[in-house]
Amino acid sequence: MLGWLLPIPTALGLYGIQRVQQLGQDDTLSWFLIPLLGFTIAGCCLTAIVYGLSTPEKWNARFNPSAAEDAAPGATHWGTIFAIAGALMIGAGSLMASIAYSFEHYFAWQIEEGRKISQ
């Protein structure tokens, strides 16, 4: 439905990383752009977890409507469990890193603005 929107925050996040590499860590625009990449990765991992935890009936009804309800493509196996665990690790790590990066730079910016006002 809104799958066409996914490349936009990903590209903006990658552009933020490129700005840090070219201009250094003091680039304010990159502080806003880099977390977009992390939030997009976390959102994609959440989608993978939701797909992995869906029932075979739901899966086959959505992605394999011509198959029977208990068809093999909708069945869960160990690969699904490892994929869910991997998505959980990557998504949680990406989300926590994005939140920490955002707050760190926001509060550093607030301190700098406070110093400018006090002078």
N, C-alpha and C. Protein backbone atom coordinates (compact mmCIF):
# COMPACT_ATOMS: atom_id res chain seq x y z
N MET A 1 0.82 -1.18 0.00
CA MET A 1 0.00 0.00 0.00
C MET A 1 0.88 1.25 0.00
N LEU A 2 1.69 1.43 1.02
CA LEU A 2 2.58 2.59 1.09
C LEU A 2 4.03 2.18 0.88
N GLY A 3 4.26 1.10 0.18
CA GLY A 3 5.60 0.60 -0.04
C GLY A 3 6.48 1.54 -0.84
N TRP A 4 5.89 2.41 -1.62
CA TRP A 4 6.66 3.36 -2.41
C TRP A 4 7.31 4.43 -1.54
N LEU A 5 6.82 4.61 -0.30
CA LEU A 5 7.40 5.61 0.59
C LEU A 5 8.68 5.14 1.28
N LEU A 6 8.92 3.85 1.33
CA LEU A 6 10.05 3.29 2.05
C LEU A 6 11.41 3.80 1.56
N PRO A 7 11.66 3.95 0.26
CA PRO A 7 12.99 4.42 -0.16
C PRO A 7 13.30 5.86 0.25
N ILE A 8 12.29 6.67 0.52
CA ILE A 8 12.54 8.07 0.83
C ILE A 8 13.30 8.24 2.14
N PRO A 9 12.81 7.71 3.30
CA PRO A 9 13.60 7.87 4.52
C PRO A 9 14.92 7.12 4.48
N THR A 10 14.96 6.00 3.76
CA THR A 10 16.21 5.27 3.63
C THR A 10 17.25 6.11 2.90
N ALA A 11 16.85 6.71 1.80
CA ALA A 11 17.77 7.54 1.03
C ALA A 11 18.19 8.77 1.84
N LEU A 12 17.26 9.37 2.57
CA LEU A 12 17.61 10.53 3.38
C LEU A 12 18.58 10.15 4.50
N GLY A 13 18.39 8.98 5.10
CA GLY A 13 19.31 8.52 6.14
C GLY A 13 20.69 8.25 5.59
N LEU A 14 20.76 7.64 4.42
CA LEU A 14 22.06 7.41 3.79
C LEU A 14 22.72 8.73 3.40
N TYR A 15 21.92 9.71 2.99
CA TYR A 15 22.45 11.04 2.70
C TYR A 15 23.01 11.68 3.97
N GLY A 16 22.35 11.45 5.11
CA GLY A 16 22.86 11.96 6.38
C GLY A 16 24.20 11.36 6.74
N ILE A 17 24.36 10.08 6.50
CA ILE A 17 25.65 9.41 6.75
C ILE A 17 26.73 10.00 5.84
N GLN A 18 26.37 10.24 4.58
CA GLN A 18 27.32 10.82 3.64
C GLN A 18 27.72 12.23 4.09
N ARG A 19 26.78 13.01 4.61
CA ARG A 19 27.09 14.36 5.08
C ARG A 19 28.05 14.32 6.27
N VAL A 20 27.87 13.35 7.17
CA VAL A 20 28.79 13.22 8.30
C VAL A 20 30.19 12.89 7.81
N GLN A 21 30.29 12.02 6.82
CA GLN A 21 31.60 11.66 6.29
C GLN A 21 32.27 12.85 5.61
N GLN A 22 31.50 13.70 4.96
CA GLN A 22 32.08 14.84 4.24
C GLN A 22 32.28 16.06 5.13
N LEU A 23 31.31 16.36 5.99
CA LEU A 23 31.32 17.60 6.74
C LEU A 23 31.67 17.44 8.22
N GLY A 24 31.72 16.23 8.72
CA GLY A 24 32.02 15.99 10.12
C GLY A 24 30.77 15.86 10.96
N GLN A 25 30.96 15.58 12.24
CA GLN A 25 29.84 15.31 13.14
C GLN A 25 29.09 16.56 13.56
N ASP A 26 29.59 17.72 13.30
CA ASP A 26 28.93 18.94 13.73
C ASP A 26 27.88 19.42 12.73
N ASP A 27 27.60 18.66 11.71
CA ASP A 27 26.58 19.02 10.73
C ASP A 27 25.19 18.76 11.32
N THR A 28 24.43 19.82 11.51
CA THR A 28 23.13 19.71 12.16
C THR A 28 22.13 18.94 11.32
N LEU A 29 22.14 19.11 10.01
CA LEU A 29 21.18 18.40 9.17
C LEU A 29 21.37 16.90 9.25
N SER A 30 22.60 16.44 9.38
CA SER A 30 22.83 15.00 9.48
C SER A 30 22.27 14.43 10.78
N TRP A 31 22.17 15.25 11.81
CA TRP A 31 21.60 14.77 13.07
C TRP A 31 20.14 14.40 12.90
N PHE A 32 19.47 15.08 11.99
CA PHE A 32 18.06 14.78 11.74
C PHE A 32 17.87 13.67 10.72
N LEU A 33 18.83 13.51 9.81
CA LEU A 33 18.68 12.55 8.73
C LEU A 33 19.11 11.14 9.09
N ILE A 34 20.17 10.99 9.87
CA ILE A 34 20.69 9.66 10.18
C ILE A 34 19.67 8.80 10.94
N PRO A 35 18.96 9.33 11.94
CA PRO A 35 17.96 8.47 12.61
C PRO A 35 16.85 7.97 11.69
N LEU A 36 16.59 8.66 10.59
CA LEU A 36 15.57 8.16 9.66
C LEU A 36 15.95 6.78 9.13
N LEU A 37 17.23 6.56 8.86
CA LEU A 37 17.68 5.26 8.39
C LEU A 37 17.47 4.20 9.46
N GLY A 38 17.82 4.52 10.71
CA GLY A 38 17.64 3.56 11.79
C GLY A 38 16.18 3.24 12.05
N PHE A 39 15.32 4.26 12.00
CA PHE A 39 13.89 4.02 12.22
C PHE A 39 13.29 3.22 11.07
N THR A 40 13.78 3.42 9.86
CA THR A 40 13.30 2.64 8.73
C THR A 40 13.71 1.17 8.86
N ILE A 41 14.95 0.94 9.26
CA ILE A 41 15.41 -0.44 9.47
C ILE A 41 14.60 -1.10 10.58
N ALA A 42 14.35 -0.38 11.67
CA ALA A 42 13.55 -0.93 12.76
C ALA A 42 12.13 -1.24 12.31
N GLY A 43 11.54 -0.37 11.49
CA GLY A 43 10.20 -0.62 10.97
C GLY A 43 10.15 -1.83 10.06
N CYS A 44 11.17 -2.00 9.24
CA CYS A 44 11.23 -3.18 8.36
C CYS A 44 11.39 -4.46 9.18
N CYS A 45 12.16 -4.39 10.24
CA CYS A 45 12.32 -5.56 11.11
C CYS A 45 11.01 -5.88 11.83
N LEU A 46 10.27 -4.85 12.22
CA LEU A 46 8.96 -5.08 12.84
C LEU A 46 8.01 -5.75 11.86
N THR A 47 8.05 -5.34 10.60
CA THR A 47 7.23 -5.98 9.58
C THR A 47 7.62 -7.45 9.41
N ALA A 48 8.91 -7.73 9.44
CA ALA A 48 9.38 -9.12 9.34
C ALA A 48 8.89 -9.94 10.52
N ILE A 49 8.88 -9.37 11.70
CA ILE A 49 8.39 -10.09 12.89
C ILE A 49 6.90 -10.36 12.76
N VAL A 50 6.14 -9.37 12.31
CA VAL A 50 4.69 -9.57 12.15
C VAL A 50 4.42 -10.64 11.11
N TYR A 51 5.13 -10.61 9.98
CA TYR A 51 4.95 -11.65 8.97
C TYR A 51 5.35 -13.02 9.51
N GLY A 52 6.43 -13.08 10.26
CA GLY A 52 6.89 -14.36 10.79
C GLY A 52 5.95 -14.95 11.82
N LEU A 53 5.25 -14.12 12.55
CA LEU A 53 4.33 -14.60 13.58
C LEU A 53 2.90 -14.78 13.09
N SER A 54 2.65 -14.49 11.81
CA SER A 54 1.30 -14.67 11.29
C SER A 54 0.97 -16.16 11.17
N THR A 55 -0.29 -16.46 11.27
CA THR A 55 -0.73 -17.86 11.17
C THR A 55 -0.64 -18.32 9.71
N PRO A 56 -0.52 -19.63 9.50
CA PRO A 56 -0.47 -20.13 8.11
C PRO A 56 -1.70 -19.74 7.30
N GLU A 57 -2.86 -19.72 7.94
CA GLU A 57 -4.08 -19.36 7.23
C GLU A 57 -4.02 -17.91 6.74
N LYS A 58 -3.56 -17.03 7.63
CA LYS A 58 -3.45 -15.62 7.26
C LYS A 58 -2.41 -15.42 6.15
N TRP A 59 -1.28 -16.10 6.30
CA TRP A 59 -0.21 -15.98 5.32
C TRP A 59 -0.68 -16.43 3.94
N ASN A 60 -1.28 -17.61 3.88
CA ASN A 60 -1.72 -18.14 2.60
C ASN A 60 -2.88 -17.33 2.02
N ALA A 61 -3.74 -16.79 2.89
CA ALA A 61 -4.83 -15.96 2.38
C ALA A 61 -4.30 -14.69 1.75
N ARG A 62 -3.22 -14.16 2.28
CA ARG A 62 -2.69 -12.89 1.76
C ARG A 62 -1.72 -13.07 0.60
N PHE A 63 -0.79 -14.02 0.72
CA PHE A 63 0.28 -14.16 -0.27
C PHE A 63 0.16 -15.38 -1.17
N ASN A 64 -0.69 -16.32 -0.84
CA ASN A 64 -0.80 -17.55 -1.60
C ASN A 64 -2.27 -17.98 -1.64
N PRO A 65 -3.14 -17.18 -2.23
CA PRO A 65 -4.57 -17.46 -2.13
C PRO A 65 -5.02 -18.73 -2.84
N SER A 66 -4.27 -19.22 -3.81
CA SER A 66 -4.69 -20.42 -4.53
C SER A 66 -4.35 -21.71 -3.79
N ALA A 67 -3.55 -21.63 -2.73
CA ALA A 67 -3.14 -22.82 -1.99
C ALA A 67 -4.17 -23.17 -0.92
N ALA A 68 -4.07 -24.37 -0.41
CA ALA A 68 -4.94 -24.80 0.68
C ALA A 68 -4.51 -24.09 1.96
N GLU A 69 -5.37 -24.12 2.98
CA GLU A 69 -5.08 -23.41 4.23
C GLU A 69 -3.84 -23.95 4.93
N ASP A 70 -3.58 -25.24 4.79
CA ASP A 70 -2.43 -25.83 5.48
C ASP A 70 -1.27 -26.10 4.52
N ALA A 71 -1.13 -25.29 3.49
CA ALA A 71 -0.06 -25.47 2.49
C ALA A 71 1.30 -25.21 3.13
N ALA A 72 2.31 -25.81 2.55
CA ALA A 72 3.68 -25.69 3.09
C ALA A 72 4.22 -24.26 3.09
N PRO A 73 3.91 -23.40 2.11
CA PRO A 73 4.48 -22.04 2.16
C PRO A 73 4.07 -21.24 3.38
N GLY A 74 2.95 -21.54 3.99
CA GLY A 74 2.52 -20.79 5.17
C GLY A 74 2.95 -21.42 6.48
N ALA A 75 3.60 -22.57 6.41
CA ALA A 75 3.97 -23.28 7.63
C ALA A 75 5.20 -22.65 8.28
N THR A 76 5.26 -22.74 9.59
CA THR A 76 6.40 -22.23 10.35
C THR A 76 7.39 -23.37 10.58
N HIS A 77 8.69 -23.04 10.45
CA HIS A 77 9.74 -24.01 10.74
C HIS A 77 10.87 -23.28 11.43
N TRP A 78 12.00 -23.96 11.65
CA TRP A 78 13.09 -23.35 12.41
C TRP A 78 13.69 -22.13 11.73
N GLY A 79 13.68 -22.12 10.42
CA GLY A 79 14.18 -20.95 9.70
C GLY A 79 13.37 -19.70 10.03
N THR A 80 12.06 -19.89 10.20
CA THR A 80 11.20 -18.77 10.57
C THR A 80 11.54 -18.25 11.95
N ILE A 81 11.80 -19.16 12.87
CA ILE A 81 12.13 -18.76 14.24
C ILE A 81 13.45 -17.99 14.27
N PHE A 82 14.45 -18.47 13.54
CA PHE A 82 15.74 -17.77 13.49
C PHE A 82 15.60 -16.41 12.80
N ALA A 83 14.75 -16.32 11.78
CA ALA A 83 14.53 -15.04 11.10
C ALA A 83 13.84 -14.04 12.04
N ILE A 84 12.88 -14.50 12.82
CA ILE A 84 12.21 -13.62 13.78
C ILE A 84 13.20 -13.14 14.84
N ALA A 85 14.02 -14.05 15.35
CA ALA A 85 15.01 -13.66 16.36
C ALA A 85 16.03 -12.68 15.77
N GLY A 86 16.47 -12.92 14.55
CA GLY A 86 17.40 -12.00 13.91
C GLY A 86 16.79 -10.63 13.66
N ALA A 87 15.54 -10.62 13.22
CA ALA A 87 14.85 -9.34 13.00
C ALA A 87 14.67 -8.59 14.31
N LEU A 88 14.40 -9.32 15.38
CA LEU A 88 14.25 -8.69 16.69
C LEU A 88 15.57 -8.07 17.15
N MET A 89 16.68 -8.79 16.97
CA MET A 89 17.98 -8.25 17.37
C MET A 89 18.38 -7.04 16.54
N ILE A 90 18.26 -7.15 15.24
CA ILE A 90 18.65 -6.05 14.37
C ILE A 90 17.74 -4.84 14.58
N GLY A 91 16.44 -5.07 14.65
CA GLY A 91 15.49 -3.98 14.83
C GLY A 91 15.65 -3.27 16.15
N ALA A 92 15.81 -4.04 17.23
CA ALA A 92 15.98 -3.42 18.55
C ALA A 92 17.30 -2.64 18.61
N GLY A 93 18.36 -3.21 18.07
CA GLY A 93 19.65 -2.51 18.07
C GLY A 93 19.59 -1.24 17.25
N SER A 94 18.96 -1.30 16.10
CA SER A 94 18.85 -0.13 15.24
C SER A 94 17.98 0.95 15.89
N LEU A 95 16.88 0.56 16.50
CA LEU A 95 16.00 1.53 17.15
C LEU A 95 16.68 2.19 18.33
N MET A 96 17.34 1.41 19.17
CA MET A 96 18.02 1.97 20.34
C MET A 96 19.17 2.88 19.93
N ALA A 97 19.92 2.48 18.90
CA ALA A 97 21.02 3.33 18.43
C ALA A 97 20.49 4.64 17.85
N SER A 98 19.39 4.58 17.12
CA SER A 98 18.81 5.81 16.55
C SER A 98 18.30 6.74 17.64
N ILE A 99 17.64 6.19 18.64
CA ILE A 99 17.14 7.01 19.74
C ILE A 99 18.30 7.63 20.52
N ALA A 100 19.32 6.83 20.81
CA ALA A 100 20.48 7.34 21.56
C ALA A 100 21.20 8.42 20.76
N TYR A 101 21.39 8.21 19.47
CA TYR A 101 22.06 9.19 18.62
C TYR A 101 21.25 10.49 18.58
N SER A 102 19.95 10.36 18.43
CA SER A 102 19.10 11.56 18.37
C SER A 102 19.17 12.36 19.66
N PHE A 103 18.99 11.69 20.79
CA PHE A 103 19.00 12.39 22.07
C PHE A 103 20.37 12.97 22.39
N GLU A 104 21.43 12.24 22.07
CA GLU A 104 22.77 12.74 22.34
C GLU A 104 23.03 14.06 21.60
N HIS A 105 22.72 14.08 20.34
CA HIS A 105 22.98 15.29 19.56
C HIS A 105 21.99 16.40 19.88
N TYR A 106 20.76 16.06 20.22
CA TYR A 106 19.80 17.08 20.59
C TYR A 106 20.24 17.79 21.87
N PHE A 107 20.65 17.02 22.88
CA PHE A 107 21.06 17.65 24.14
C PHE A 107 22.39 18.39 23.99
N ALA A 108 23.29 17.90 23.15
CA ALA A 108 24.53 18.64 22.89
C ALA A 108 24.21 19.97 22.21
N TRP A 109 23.25 19.96 21.30
CA TRP A 109 22.84 21.19 20.64
C TRP A 109 22.20 22.15 21.64
N GLN A 110 21.40 21.63 22.57
CA GLN A 110 20.77 22.47 23.59
C GLN A 110 21.83 23.12 24.49
N ILE A 111 22.86 22.38 24.83
CA ILE A 111 23.94 22.93 25.66
C ILE A 111 24.66 24.05 24.94
N GLU A 112 24.93 23.83 23.64
CA GLU A 112 25.60 24.87 22.85
C GLU A 112 24.75 26.12 22.75
N GLU A 113 23.46 25.95 22.56
CA GLU A 113 22.57 27.11 22.47
C GLU A 113 22.49 27.83 23.82
N GLY A 114 22.51 27.08 24.91
CA GLY A 114 22.52 27.69 26.23
C GLY A 114 23.78 28.48 26.49
N ARG A 115 24.91 27.97 26.00
CA ARG A 115 26.18 28.70 26.14
C ARG A 115 26.16 29.99 25.34
N LYS A 116 25.56 29.96 24.15
CA LYS A 116 25.47 31.16 23.32
C LYS A 116 24.62 32.21 24.02
N ILE A 117 23.53 31.80 24.65
CA ILE A 117 22.64 32.74 25.32
C ILE A 117 23.33 33.33 26.55
N SER A 118 24.07 32.51 27.28
CA SER A 118 24.69 32.99 28.52
C SER A 118 25.86 33.93 28.29
N GLN A 119 26.39 33.97 27.09
CA GLN A 119 27.56 34.83 26.83
C GLN A 119 27.15 36.24 26.52
